[in-house]
Amino acid sequence: MLPLATGGSQAHVLAIDYALRPVLSSMGASHIVPGWFTLDRDIAREDGTPVVAPASAKALEEVTDQFSAALGGRVSTLSPTG
């Protein structure tokens, strides 16, 4: 499992480790890779497509690469806003 979360402030950053990860584990996830958290404002929609701010996109790419490695494949990268 790859935990992903957004929140309105940095106060929510621990939600992945203290709320989401235990739920995923109790649902039977056998391998939970490090998650990703970003602020709501770092994700926008352009023509119905989510677009991630450059700094957040780099972090997201790193966790998706880790997730992909855990699966044994490659996940396509996102195009950050510029």
Protein backbone atom coordinates (compact mmCIF):
# COMPACT_ATOMS: atom_id res chain seq x y z
CA MET A 1 0.00 0.00 0.00
CA LEU A 2 1.07 3.55 -0.69
CA PRO A 3 -0.51 5.96 1.81
CA LEU A 4 -1.21 9.36 0.26
CA ALA A 5 -2.77 12.29 2.10
CA THR A 6 -3.46 15.98 1.73
CA GLY A 7 -4.28 18.45 4.45
CA GLY A 8 -4.89 22.11 5.10
CA SER A 9 -1.82 22.57 7.30
CA GLN A 10 1.37 20.85 8.43
CA ALA A 11 -0.50 19.91 11.61
CA HIS A 12 -2.00 17.01 9.65
CA VAL A 13 1.30 15.50 8.50
CA LEU A 14 1.27 12.75 11.14
CA ALA A 15 -2.13 11.50 10.00
CA ILE A 16 -0.45 8.98 7.71
CA ASP A 17 1.62 7.33 10.44
CA TYR A 18 -0.83 7.58 13.33
CA ALA A 19 -4.19 7.17 11.59
CA LEU A 20 -3.92 5.80 8.06
CA ARG A 21 -1.08 3.28 8.43
CA PRO A 22 -2.78 1.37 11.32
CA VAL A 23 -6.03 1.20 9.34
CA LEU A 24 -4.26 -0.17 6.27
CA SER A 25 -2.46 -2.69 8.44
CA SER A 26 -5.68 -3.84 10.09
CA MET A 27 -7.20 -4.30 6.63
CA GLY A 28 -4.47 -6.81 5.85
CA ALA A 29 -1.92 -4.77 3.91
CA SER A 30 1.25 -6.84 4.09
CA HIS A 31 3.65 -4.14 2.89
CA ILE A 32 3.06 -0.44 3.49
CA VAL A 33 5.72 1.80 1.94
CA PRO A 34 6.50 5.29 3.27
CA GLY A 35 3.62 7.64 2.57
CA TRP A 36 3.33 11.12 1.14
CA PHE A 37 1.64 14.21 2.54
CA THR A 38 1.21 17.59 0.92
CA LEU A 39 -0.83 20.68 1.52
CA ASP A 40 -4.11 21.07 -0.35
CA ARG A 41 -2.82 24.23 -1.99
CA ASP A 42 -0.05 22.23 -3.72
CA ILE A 43 -2.57 20.38 -5.86
CA ALA A 44 -4.62 22.19 -8.50
CA ARG A 45 -6.91 21.10 -11.32
CA GLU A 46 -6.35 22.11 -14.90
CA ASP A 47 -9.00 20.91 -17.34
CA GLY A 48 -10.07 18.28 -14.82
CA THR A 49 -6.56 16.90 -14.40
CA PRO A 50 -4.75 17.15 -11.05
CA VAL A 51 -1.51 19.12 -11.26
CA VAL A 52 1.03 19.02 -8.43
CA ALA A 53 3.29 21.96 -7.51
CA PRO A 54 6.96 21.36 -8.44
CA ALA A 55 8.34 20.90 -4.91
CA SER A 56 5.57 18.48 -3.98
CA ALA A 57 5.84 16.70 -7.32
CA LYS A 58 9.47 15.84 -6.60
CA ALA A 59 8.56 14.29 -3.25
CA LEU A 60 5.61 12.45 -4.81
CA GLU A 61 7.85 11.08 -7.55
CA GLU A 62 10.26 9.75 -4.92
CA VAL A 63 7.54 7.88 -3.00
CA THR A 64 5.94 6.54 -6.17
CA ASP A 65 9.37 5.30 -7.30
CA GLN A 66 9.75 3.51 -3.94
CA PHE A 67 6.28 2.05 -4.35
CA SER A 68 7.04 0.99 -7.90
CA ALA A 69 10.25 -0.68 -6.76
CA ALA A 70 8.28 -2.56 -4.11
CA LEU A 71 5.95 -3.77 -6.87
CA GLY A 72 8.83 -4.54 -9.22
CA GLY A 73 7.77 -2.08 -11.92
CA ARG A 74 7.83 1.57 -12.90
CA VAL A 75 5.16 4.18 -12.25
CA SER A 76 4.80 7.06 -14.71
CA THR A 77 5.89 10.47 -13.44
CA LEU A 78 3.71 13.53 -12.99
CA SER A 79 4.21 16.84 -14.76
CA PRO A 80 4.59 19.63 -12.18
CA THR A 81 3.13 23.06 -12.70
CA GLY A 82 5.68 25.60 -13.62
